[in-house]
Amino acid sequence: MMPHIWCPGCGHGIILGAILRAISKAGLDQDKTVIVSGIGCSSRASGYMDFDTLHTTHGRALAFATGVKMAKPELNVIVIMGDGDCSAIGGNHFIHACRRNIDLTAVVFNNSIYGMTSGQYSPLTPRGKFATTAPYGTIEREFDLCDLAIAAGASYVGRGTTFHAQLLTDLIVKGIANKGFSLIEGISQCPTYYGRKNKMGGPIDMMKWQQEHSVNAVAATKMTPEQLDGKFKIGELHNSPAPEYIAEYDKIIAARRA
């Protein structure tokens, strides 16, 4: 499995480390934990993990994961996706997984670019930024994936960065503990494509950018819109327990059998 596929300076290994530490902290049984991933740089992470894993088709990780959880609800199912994998071709699966509030923990590696296919922009690429498919800057407004998840019905949402690796681990632990759909967005650096195209410097510079442009969610409540301009919130963004899909499904079956 080594050497891994990721470029020097890529942040994905840091997020993978955060997931592994979170699984350990949460005390999950290795034999009852399944890792499901889609397609892209991020989704190769499942191949470096010693669990039962599914490396699925592009955008369909949540559909596969839903099937696993419905068939074997006792399993812990963690879903690994990239920004394009999750929010573009997989966007419909994403909003409906949130809406159902099915007990999955989704970790999205967001490097704002399609890295494996040479740097096309994704729905999470900020407006005005450059990519191979946006040589003069993208004119499309980007999604805020966390806001989208909250609006669609996810019961736990958090965001960390590769600079804030310990925070990222803690958020994933909380996401695993939540009985419902959990989204953890991990902001990651892609120095090879996004960094070069947007003249952000090397990987260390990109991680410093994360530090300088992130604001703790609690601190953000005391800041003005002007102070928050150009910043993004990190930490626990939403924690609102709601009926979980499989539990509600089981109630229907039990009622019909009564």
C-alpha atoms as a PDB file:
ATOM      1  CA  MET A   1       0.000   0.000   0.000  1.00  0.00           C
ATOM      2  CA  MET A   2       3.003   2.302   0.260  1.00  0.00           C
ATOM      3  CA  PRO A   3       4.096   4.652  -1.127  1.00  0.00           C
ATOM      4  CA  HIS A   4       0.669   6.309  -1.053  1.00  0.00           C
ATOM      5  CA  ILE A   5      -0.872   8.138  -3.980  1.00  0.00           C
ATOM      6  CA  TRP A   6      -0.861  11.636  -2.448  1.00  0.00           C
ATOM      7  CA  CYS A   7       1.530  14.368  -3.573  1.00  0.00           C
ATOM      8  CA  PRO A   8       4.177  15.789  -1.213  1.00  0.00           C
ATOM      9  CA  GLY A   9       2.513  18.390   0.996  1.00  0.00           C
ATOM     10  CA  CYS A  10      -1.031  17.125   0.421  1.00  0.00           C
ATOM     11  CA  GLY A  11      -3.206  17.481   3.510  1.00  0.00           C
ATOM     12  CA  HIS A  12      -5.141  14.265   3.036  1.00  0.00           C
ATOM     13  CA  GLY A  13      -2.767  12.182   5.138  1.00  0.00           C
ATOM     14  CA  ILE A  14      -3.413  14.509   8.084  1.00  0.00           C
ATOM     15  CA  ILE A  15      -7.171  14.003   7.761  1.00  0.00           C
ATOM     16  CA  LEU A  16      -6.677  10.247   7.467  1.00  0.00           C
ATOM     17  CA  GLY A  17      -4.650  10.385  10.686  1.00  0.00           C
ATOM     18  CA  ALA A  18      -7.466  12.338  12.362  1.00  0.00           C
ATOM     19  CA  ILE A  19      -9.981   9.672  11.339  1.00  0.00           C
ATOM     20  CA  LEU A  20      -7.808   6.870  12.690  1.00  0.00           C
ATOM     21  CA  ARG A  21      -7.240   8.679  15.989  1.00  0.00           C
ATOM     22  CA  ALA A  22     -10.970   9.363  16.270  1.00  0.00           C
ATOM     23  CA  ILE A  23     -11.824   5.700  15.702  1.00  0.00           C
ATOM     24  CA  SER A  24      -9.346   4.763  18.421  1.00  0.00           C
ATOM     25  CA  LYS A  25     -10.670   7.412  20.849  1.00  0.00           C
ATOM     26  CA  ALA A  26     -14.254   6.351  20.192  1.00  0.00           C
ATOM     27  CA  GLY A  27     -13.322   2.756  21.003  1.00  0.00           C
ATOM     28  CA  LEU A  28     -14.880   1.311  17.862  1.00  0.00           C
ATOM     29  CA  ASP A  29     -14.570  -2.422  17.283  1.00  0.00           C
ATOM     30  CA  GLN A  30     -12.406  -2.961  14.205  1.00  0.00           C
ATOM     31  CA  ASP A  31     -14.545  -5.932  13.174  1.00  0.00           C
ATOM     32  CA  LYS A  32     -17.729  -3.847  13.356  1.00  0.00           C
ATOM     33  CA  THR A  33     -16.477  -0.793  11.502  1.00  0.00           C
ATOM     34  CA  VAL A  34     -16.827  -0.261   7.759  1.00  0.00           C
ATOM     35  CA  ILE A  35     -15.122   2.469   5.734  1.00  0.00           C
ATOM     36  CA  VAL A  36     -16.877   3.494   2.509  1.00  0.00           C
ATOM     37  CA  SER A  37     -15.226   5.845   0.022  1.00  0.00           C
ATOM     38  CA  GLY A  38     -16.036   7.247  -3.395  1.00  0.00           C
ATOM     39  CA  ILE A  39     -13.603   8.247  -6.133  1.00  0.00           C
ATOM     40  CA  GLY A  40     -10.817  10.808  -6.073  1.00  0.00           C
ATOM     41  CA  CYS A  41      -7.643  11.584  -4.155  1.00  0.00           C
ATOM     42  CA  SER A  42      -9.439  11.551  -0.803  1.00  0.00           C
ATOM     43  CA  SER A  43     -11.216   8.286  -1.424  1.00  0.00           C
ATOM     44  CA  ARG A  44      -7.968   6.388  -1.798  1.00  0.00           C
ATOM     45  CA  ALA A  45      -7.713   6.714   1.995  1.00  0.00           C
ATOM     46  CA  SER A  46      -9.840   3.603   2.476  1.00  0.00           C
ATOM     47  CA  GLY A  47      -7.111   1.517   0.853  1.00  0.00           C
ATOM     48  CA  TYR A  48      -4.670   2.491   3.601  1.00  0.00           C
ATOM     49  CA  MET A  49      -6.980   1.451   6.446  1.00  0.00           C
ATOM     50  CA  ASP A  50      -7.174  -1.976   8.064  1.00  0.00           C
ATOM     51  CA  PHE A  51     -10.954  -2.285   8.146  1.00  0.00           C
ATOM     52  CA  ASP A  52     -13.607  -3.782   5.927  1.00  0.00           C
ATOM     53  CA  THR A  53     -13.730  -1.163   3.174  1.00  0.00           C
ATOM     54  CA  LEU A  54     -15.706  -0.317   0.055  1.00  0.00           C
ATOM     55  CA  HIS A  55     -14.061   1.810  -2.646  1.00  0.00           C
ATOM     56  CA  THR A  56     -17.154   2.665  -4.658  1.00  0.00           C
ATOM     57  CA  THR A  57     -18.108   4.598  -7.784  1.00  0.00           C
ATOM     58  CA  HIS A  58     -17.902   8.358  -8.207  1.00  0.00           C
ATOM     59  CA  GLY A  59     -20.461  10.194  -6.098  1.00  0.00           C
ATOM     60  CA  ARG A  60     -22.135   7.033  -4.815  1.00  0.00           C
ATOM     61  CA  ALA A  61     -20.334   6.483  -1.511  1.00  0.00           C
ATOM     62  CA  LEU A  62     -23.363   7.565   0.527  1.00  0.00           C
ATOM     63  CA  ALA A  63     -25.681   5.313  -1.468  1.00  0.00           C
ATOM     64  CA  PHE A  64     -23.427   2.310  -0.806  1.00  0.00           C
ATOM     65  CA  ALA A  65     -23.041   3.316   2.842  1.00  0.00           C
ATOM     66  CA  THR A  66     -26.804   3.617   3.270  1.00  0.00           C
ATOM     67  CA  GLY A  67     -27.198   0.074   1.966  1.00  0.00           C
ATOM     68  CA  VAL A  68     -24.557  -1.236   4.374  1.00  0.00           C
ATOM     69  CA  LYS A  69     -26.171   0.509   7.349  1.00  0.00           C
ATOM     70  CA  MET A  70     -29.690  -0.633   6.445  1.00  0.00           C
ATOM     71  CA  ALA A  71     -28.579  -4.247   6.031  1.00  0.00           C
ATOM     72  CA  LYS A  72     -26.298  -4.295   9.101  1.00  0.00           C
ATOM     73  CA  PRO A  73     -27.403  -1.490  11.454  1.00  0.00           C
ATOM     74  CA  GLU A  74     -25.056  -2.725  14.179  1.00  0.00           C
ATOM     75  CA  LEU A  75     -22.037  -1.672  12.095  1.00  0.00           C
ATOM     76  CA  ASN A  76     -20.247   1.655  12.471  1.00  0.00           C
ATOM     77  CA  VAL A  77     -20.141   3.170   8.988  1.00  0.00           C
ATOM     78  CA  ILE A  78     -17.723   5.984   8.167  1.00  0.00           C
ATOM     79  CA  VAL A  79     -17.877   7.576   4.722  1.00  0.00           C
ATOM     80  CA  ILE A  80     -14.883   9.297   3.109  1.00  0.00           C
ATOM     81  CA  MET A  81     -15.489  11.689   0.211  1.00  0.00           C
ATOM     82  CA  GLY A  82     -13.864  14.595  -1.570  1.00  0.00           C
ATOM     83  CA  ASP A  83     -15.423  17.981  -2.275  1.00  0.00           C
ATOM     84  CA  GLY A  84     -16.299  17.164  -5.876  1.00  0.00           C
ATOM     85  CA  ASP A  85     -17.260  13.558  -5.155  1.00  0.00           C
ATOM     86  CA  CYS A  86     -19.663  14.657  -2.417  1.00  0.00           C
ATOM     87  CA  SER A  87     -21.113  17.923  -3.667  1.00  0.00           C
ATOM     88  CA  ALA A  88     -21.199  17.545  -7.464  1.00  0.00           C
ATOM     89  CA  ILE A  89     -22.017  14.097  -8.845  1.00  0.00           C
ATOM     90  CA  GLY A  90     -22.883  12.949  -5.316  1.00  0.00           C
ATOM     91  CA  GLY A  91     -24.833  16.054  -4.332  1.00  0.00           C
ATOM     92  CA  ASN A  92     -28.285  14.478  -4.474  1.00  0.00           C
ATOM     93  CA  HIS A  93     -27.179  11.513  -2.370  1.00  0.00           C
ATOM     94  CA  PHE A  94     -25.679  13.978   0.101  1.00  0.00           C
ATOM     95  CA  ILE A  95     -28.744  16.126   0.709  1.00  0.00           C
ATOM     96  CA  HIS A  96     -31.018  13.098   1.044  1.00  0.00           C
ATOM     97  CA  ALA A  97     -28.675  11.327   3.462  1.00  0.00           C
ATOM     98  CA  CYS A  98     -28.811  14.518   5.543  1.00  0.00           C
ATOM     99  CA  ARG A  99     -32.602  14.692   5.193  1.00  0.00           C
ATOM    100  CA  ARG A 100     -33.071  11.093   6.307  1.00  0.00           C
ATOM    101  CA  ASN A 101     -30.665  11.595   9.224  1.00  0.00           C
ATOM    102  CA  ILE A 102     -29.374   8.055   8.795  1.00  0.00           C
ATOM    103  CA  ASP A 103     -26.630   7.065  11.239  1.00  0.00           C
ATOM    104  CA  LEU A 104     -23.533   7.607   9.094  1.00  0.00           C
ATOM    105  CA  THR A 105     -20.409   9.643   9.777  1.00  0.00           C
ATOM    106  CA  ALA A 106     -19.305  11.461   6.621  1.00  0.00           C
ATOM    107  CA  VAL A 107     -15.839  13.016   6.472  1.00  0.00           C
ATOM    108  CA  VAL A 108     -15.315  15.274   3.462  1.00  0.00           C
ATOM    109  CA  PHE A 109     -11.740  16.098   2.463  1.00  0.00           C
ATOM    110  CA  ASN A 110     -12.194  19.576   0.983  1.00  0.00           C
ATOM    111  CA  ASN A 111      -9.204  20.816  -1.012  1.00  0.00           C
ATOM    112  CA  SER A 112     -11.417  22.974  -3.283  1.00  0.00           C
ATOM    113  CA  ILE A 113     -10.301  21.165  -6.445  1.00  0.00           C
ATOM    114  CA  TYR A 114     -10.495  17.914  -8.406  1.00  0.00           C
ATOM    115  CA  GLY A 115      -6.919  16.847  -7.750  1.00  0.00           C
ATOM    116  CA  MET A 116      -6.812  13.394  -9.316  1.00  0.00           C
ATOM    117  CA  THR A 117      -7.978  14.645 -12.719  1.00  0.00           C
ATOM    118  CA  SER A 118      -5.580  17.618 -12.943  1.00  0.00           C
ATOM    119  CA  GLY A 119      -7.217  20.496 -11.129  1.00  0.00           C
ATOM    120  CA  GLN A 120     -10.744  21.217 -12.338  1.00  0.00           C
ATOM    121  CA  TYR A 121     -12.891  23.434 -10.117  1.00  0.00           C
ATOM    122  CA  SER A 122     -15.559  21.862  -7.904  1.00  0.00           C
ATOM    123  CA  PRO A 123     -18.774  23.185  -6.319  1.00  0.00           C
ATOM    124  CA  LEU A 124     -16.649  24.101  -3.281  1.00  0.00           C
ATOM    125  CA  THR A 125     -14.037  26.113  -5.205  1.00  0.00           C
ATOM    126  CA  PRO A 126     -14.432  29.736  -4.059  1.00  0.00           C
ATOM    127  CA  ARG A 127     -15.772  32.166  -6.637  1.00  0.00           C
ATOM    128  CA  GLY A 128     -12.994  33.904  -8.550  1.00  0.00           C
ATOM    129  CA  LYS A 129     -10.367  31.230  -7.894  1.00  0.00           C
ATOM    130  CA  PHE A 130      -8.401  29.624 -10.700  1.00  0.00           C
ATOM    131  CA  ALA A 131      -8.449  26.047 -11.955  1.00  0.00           C
ATOM    132  CA  THR A 132      -7.640  24.206 -15.175  1.00  0.00           C
ATOM    133  CA  THR A 133     -11.316  24.566 -16.152  1.00  0.00           C
ATOM    134  CA  ALA A 134     -11.407  28.180 -14.925  1.00  0.00           C
ATOM    135  CA  PRO A 135      -8.237  29.800 -16.332  1.00  0.00           C
ATOM    136  CA  TYR A 136      -9.705  33.274 -15.749  1.00  0.00           C
ATOM    137  CA  GLY A 137     -11.349  32.416 -12.425  1.00  0.00           C
ATOM    138  CA  THR A 138     -14.579  30.562 -11.730  1.00  0.00           C
ATOM    139  CA  ILE A 139     -17.731  32.676 -11.949  1.00  0.00           C
ATOM    140  CA  GLU A 140     -19.858  30.194  -9.995  1.00  0.00           C
ATOM    141  CA  ARG A 141     -20.715  30.765  -6.348  1.00  0.00           C
ATOM    142  CA  GLU A 142     -19.487  27.976  -4.106  1.00  0.00           C
ATOM    143  CA  PHE A 143     -21.516  25.885  -1.683  1.00  0.00           C
ATOM    144  CA  ASP A 144     -20.892  26.137   2.023  1.00  0.00           C
ATOM    145  CA  LEU A 145     -21.100  22.381   2.572  1.00  0.00           C
ATOM    146  CA  CYS A 146     -21.759  22.679   6.298  1.00  0.00           C
ATOM    147  CA  ASP A 147     -24.618  25.146   5.788  1.00  0.00           C
ATOM    148  CA  LEU A 148     -26.018  22.856   3.105  1.00  0.00           C
ATOM    149  CA  ALA A 149     -25.914  19.870   5.467  1.00  0.00           C
ATOM    150  CA  ILE A 150     -27.622  21.809   8.256  1.00  0.00           C
ATOM    151  CA  ALA A 151     -30.356  23.055   5.926  1.00  0.00           C
ATOM    152  CA  ALA A 152     -30.906  19.533   4.567  1.00  0.00           C
ATOM    153  CA  GLY A 153     -31.356  18.018   8.046  1.00  0.00           C
ATOM    154  CA  ALA A 154     -28.043  16.608   9.293  1.00  0.00           C
ATOM    155  CA  SER A 155     -28.076  16.373  13.087  1.00  0.00           C
ATOM    156  CA  TYR A 156     -24.342  16.956  13.653  1.00  0.00           C
ATOM    157  CA  VAL A 157     -22.056  19.217  11.610  1.00  0.00           C
ATOM    158  CA  GLY A 158     -18.498  20.358  12.244  1.00  0.00           C
ATOM    159  CA  ARG A 159     -15.534  21.741  10.347  1.00  0.00           C
ATOM    160  CA  GLY A 160     -11.806  21.514  10.959  1.00  0.00           C
ATOM    161  CA  THR A 161      -8.635  21.958   8.942  1.00  0.00           C
ATOM    162  CA  THR A 162      -5.361  20.147   8.507  1.00  0.00           C
ATOM    163  CA  PHE A 163      -3.757  22.920  10.560  1.00  0.00           C
ATOM    164  CA  HIS A 164      -6.233  22.222  13.389  1.00  0.00           C
ATOM    165  CA  ALA A 165      -5.656  18.455  13.372  1.00  0.00           C
ATOM    166  CA  GLN A 166      -6.603  17.879  17.026  1.00  0.00           C
ATOM    167  CA  LEU A 167      -9.865  19.773  16.565  1.00  0.00           C
ATOM    168  CA  LEU A 168     -10.591  17.659  13.497  1.00  0.00           C
ATOM    169  CA  THR A 169     -10.069  14.468  15.507  1.00  0.00           C
ATOM    170  CA  ASP A 170     -12.367  15.697  18.286  1.00  0.00           C
ATOM    171  CA  LEU A 171     -15.109  16.617  15.810  1.00  0.00           C
ATOM    172  CA  ILE A 172     -14.970  13.179  14.194  1.00  0.00           C
ATOM    173  CA  VAL A 173     -15.243  11.549  17.643  1.00  0.00           C
ATOM    174  CA  LYS A 174     -18.401  13.584  18.295  1.00  0.00           C
ATOM    175  CA  GLY A 175     -19.724  12.749  14.850  1.00  0.00           C
ATOM    176  CA  ILE A 176     -19.264   9.036  15.498  1.00  0.00           C
ATOM    177  CA  ALA A 177     -21.087   9.348  18.838  1.00  0.00           C
ATOM    178  CA  ASN A 178     -24.046  11.145  17.245  1.00  0.00           C
ATOM    179  CA  LYS A 179     -26.972   8.852  16.429  1.00  0.00           C
ATOM    180  CA  GLY A 180     -27.874  10.332  13.095  1.00  0.00           C
ATOM    181  CA  PHE A 181     -26.167  11.802  10.050  1.00  0.00           C
ATOM    182  CA  SER A 182     -22.920  13.576  10.878  1.00  0.00           C
ATOM    183  CA  LEU A 183     -20.859  15.703   8.507  1.00  0.00           C
ATOM    184  CA  ILE A 184     -17.288  16.622   9.328  1.00  0.00           C
ATOM    185  CA  GLU A 185     -15.649  18.853   6.731  1.00  0.00           C
ATOM    186  CA  GLY A 186     -11.862  18.828   6.720  1.00  0.00           C
ATOM    187  CA  ILE A 187     -10.250  21.749   4.882  1.00  0.00           C
ATOM    188  CA  SER A 188      -7.166  20.314   3.162  1.00  0.00           C
ATOM    189  CA  GLN A 189      -4.392  21.831   1.065  1.00  0.00           C
ATOM    190  CA  CYS A 190      -3.636  20.826  -2.529  1.00  0.00           C
ATOM    191  CA  PRO A 191      -0.299  22.515  -3.294  1.00  0.00           C
ATOM    192  CA  THR A 192       0.051  20.715  -6.628  1.00  0.00           C
ATOM    193  CA  TYR A 193      -3.022  22.196  -8.322  1.00  0.00           C
ATOM    194  CA  TYR A 194      -5.047  24.603  -6.181  1.00  0.00           C
ATOM    195  CA  GLY A 195      -1.994  26.138  -4.541  1.00  0.00           C
ATOM    196  CA  ARG A 196      -0.060  26.629  -7.779  1.00  0.00           C
ATOM    197  CA  LYS A 197      -3.026  27.912  -9.762  1.00  0.00           C
ATOM    198  CA  ASN A 198      -3.886  30.435  -7.054  1.00  0.00           C
ATOM    199  CA  LYS A 199      -0.308  31.389  -6.103  1.00  0.00           C
ATOM    200  CA  MET A 200      -0.778  30.361  -2.475  1.00  0.00           C
ATOM    201  CA  GLY A 201       2.774  29.121  -1.988  1.00  0.00           C
ATOM    202  CA  GLY A 202       3.797  25.720  -0.673  1.00  0.00           C
ATOM    203  CA  PRO A 203       1.976  23.435   1.745  1.00  0.00           C
ATOM    204  CA  ILE A 204       3.207  25.269   4.849  1.00  0.00           C
ATOM    205  CA  ASP A 205       1.974  28.576   3.422  1.00  0.00           C
ATOM    206  CA  MET A 206      -1.396  26.996   2.672  1.00  0.00           C
ATOM    207  CA  MET A 207      -1.702  25.694   6.224  1.00  0.00           C
ATOM    208  CA  LYS A 208      -0.823  29.155   7.553  1.00  0.00           C
ATOM    209  CA  TRP A 209      -3.627  30.465   5.350  1.00  0.00           C
ATOM    210  CA  GLN A 210      -6.002  28.038   7.083  1.00  0.00           C
ATOM    211  CA  GLN A 211      -4.870  29.335  10.460  1.00  0.00           C
ATOM    212  CA  GLU A 212      -5.256  32.990   9.479  1.00  0.00           C
ATOM    213  CA  HIS A 213      -8.630  32.660   7.731  1.00  0.00           C
ATOM    214  CA  SER A 214     -10.454  30.381  10.175  1.00  0.00           C
ATOM    215  CA  VAL A 215     -12.540  31.565  13.131  1.00  0.00           C
ATOM    216  CA  ASN A 216     -13.786  29.451  16.012  1.00  0.00           C
ATOM    217  CA  ALA A 217     -17.567  29.087  15.779  1.00  0.00           C
ATOM    218  CA  VAL A 218     -18.073  30.411  19.320  1.00  0.00           C
ATOM    219  CA  ALA A 219     -15.882  33.456  18.694  1.00  0.00           C
ATOM    220  CA  ALA A 220     -17.708  34.077  15.409  1.00  0.00           C
ATOM    221  CA  THR A 221     -20.966  34.757  17.278  1.00  0.00           C
ATOM    222  CA  LYS A 222     -19.369  37.903  18.736  1.00  0.00           C
ATOM    223  CA  MET A 223     -17.968  39.188  15.444  1.00  0.00           C
ATOM    224  CA  THR A 224     -19.542  41.560  12.944  1.00  0.00           C
ATOM    225  CA  PRO A 225     -20.202  40.573   9.316  1.00  0.00           C
ATOM    226  CA  GLU A 226     -17.334  42.859   8.339  1.00  0.00           C
ATOM    227  CA  GLN A 227     -14.960  41.045  10.702  1.00  0.00           C
ATOM    228  CA  LEU A 228     -16.071  37.680   9.303  1.00  0.00           C
ATOM    229  CA  ASP A 229     -15.640  38.711   5.677  1.00  0.00           C
ATOM    230  CA  GLY A 230     -13.220  36.322   3.976  1.00  0.00           C
ATOM    231  CA  LYS A 231     -13.180  33.994   6.981  1.00  0.00           C
ATOM    232  CA  PHE A 232     -14.694  30.554   7.544  1.00  0.00           C
ATOM    233  CA  LYS A 233     -15.951  29.039  10.789  1.00  0.00           C
ATOM    234  CA  ILE A 234     -14.395  25.978  12.395  1.00  0.00           C
ATOM    235  CA  GLY A 235     -15.484  23.824  15.297  1.00  0.00           C
ATOM    236  CA  GLU A 236     -18.890  22.410  16.144  1.00  0.00           C
ATOM    237  CA  LEU A 237     -21.374  24.208  13.897  1.00  0.00           C
ATOM    238  CA  HIS A 238     -24.568  22.256  14.590  1.00  0.00           C
ATOM    239  CA  ASN A 239     -25.636  19.671  17.157  1.00  0.00           C
ATOM    240  CA  SER A 240     -29.365  19.030  17.151  1.00  0.00           C
ATOM    241  CA  PRO A 241     -30.490  15.448  17.907  1.00  0.00           C
ATOM    242  CA  ALA A 242     -33.323  14.271  15.673  1.00  0.00           C
ATOM    243  CA  PRO A 243     -35.112  10.966  14.936  1.00  0.00           C
ATOM    244  CA  GLU A 244     -32.705   8.577  13.205  1.00  0.00           C
ATOM    245  CA  TYR A 245     -33.832   6.915   9.986  1.00  0.00           C
ATOM    246  CA  ILE A 246     -33.269   3.252  10.850  1.00  0.00           C
ATOM    247  CA  ALA A 247     -34.843   3.634  14.295  1.00  0.00           C
ATOM    248  CA  GLU A 248     -37.926   5.156  12.674  1.00  0.00           C
ATOM    249  CA  TYR A 249     -37.959   2.430  10.019  1.00  0.00           C
ATOM    250  CA  ASP A 250     -37.833  -0.255  12.715  1.00  0.00           C
ATOM    251  CA  LYS A 251     -40.829   1.334  14.456  1.00  0.00           C
ATOM    252  CA  ILE A 252     -42.866   0.998  11.267  1.00  0.00           C
ATOM    253  CA  ILE A 253     -41.923  -2.675  10.887  1.00  0.00           C
ATOM    254  CA  ALA A 254     -42.683  -3.398  14.554  1.00  0.00           C
ATOM    255  CA  ALA A 255     -46.068  -1.670  14.300  1.00  0.00           C
ATOM    256  CA  ARG A 256     -47.017  -3.684  11.212  1.00  0.00           C
ATOM    257  CA  ARG A 257     -46.058  -6.929  12.933  1.00  0.00           C
ATOM    258  CA  ALA A 258     -47.960  -6.141  16.128  1.00  0.00           C
END
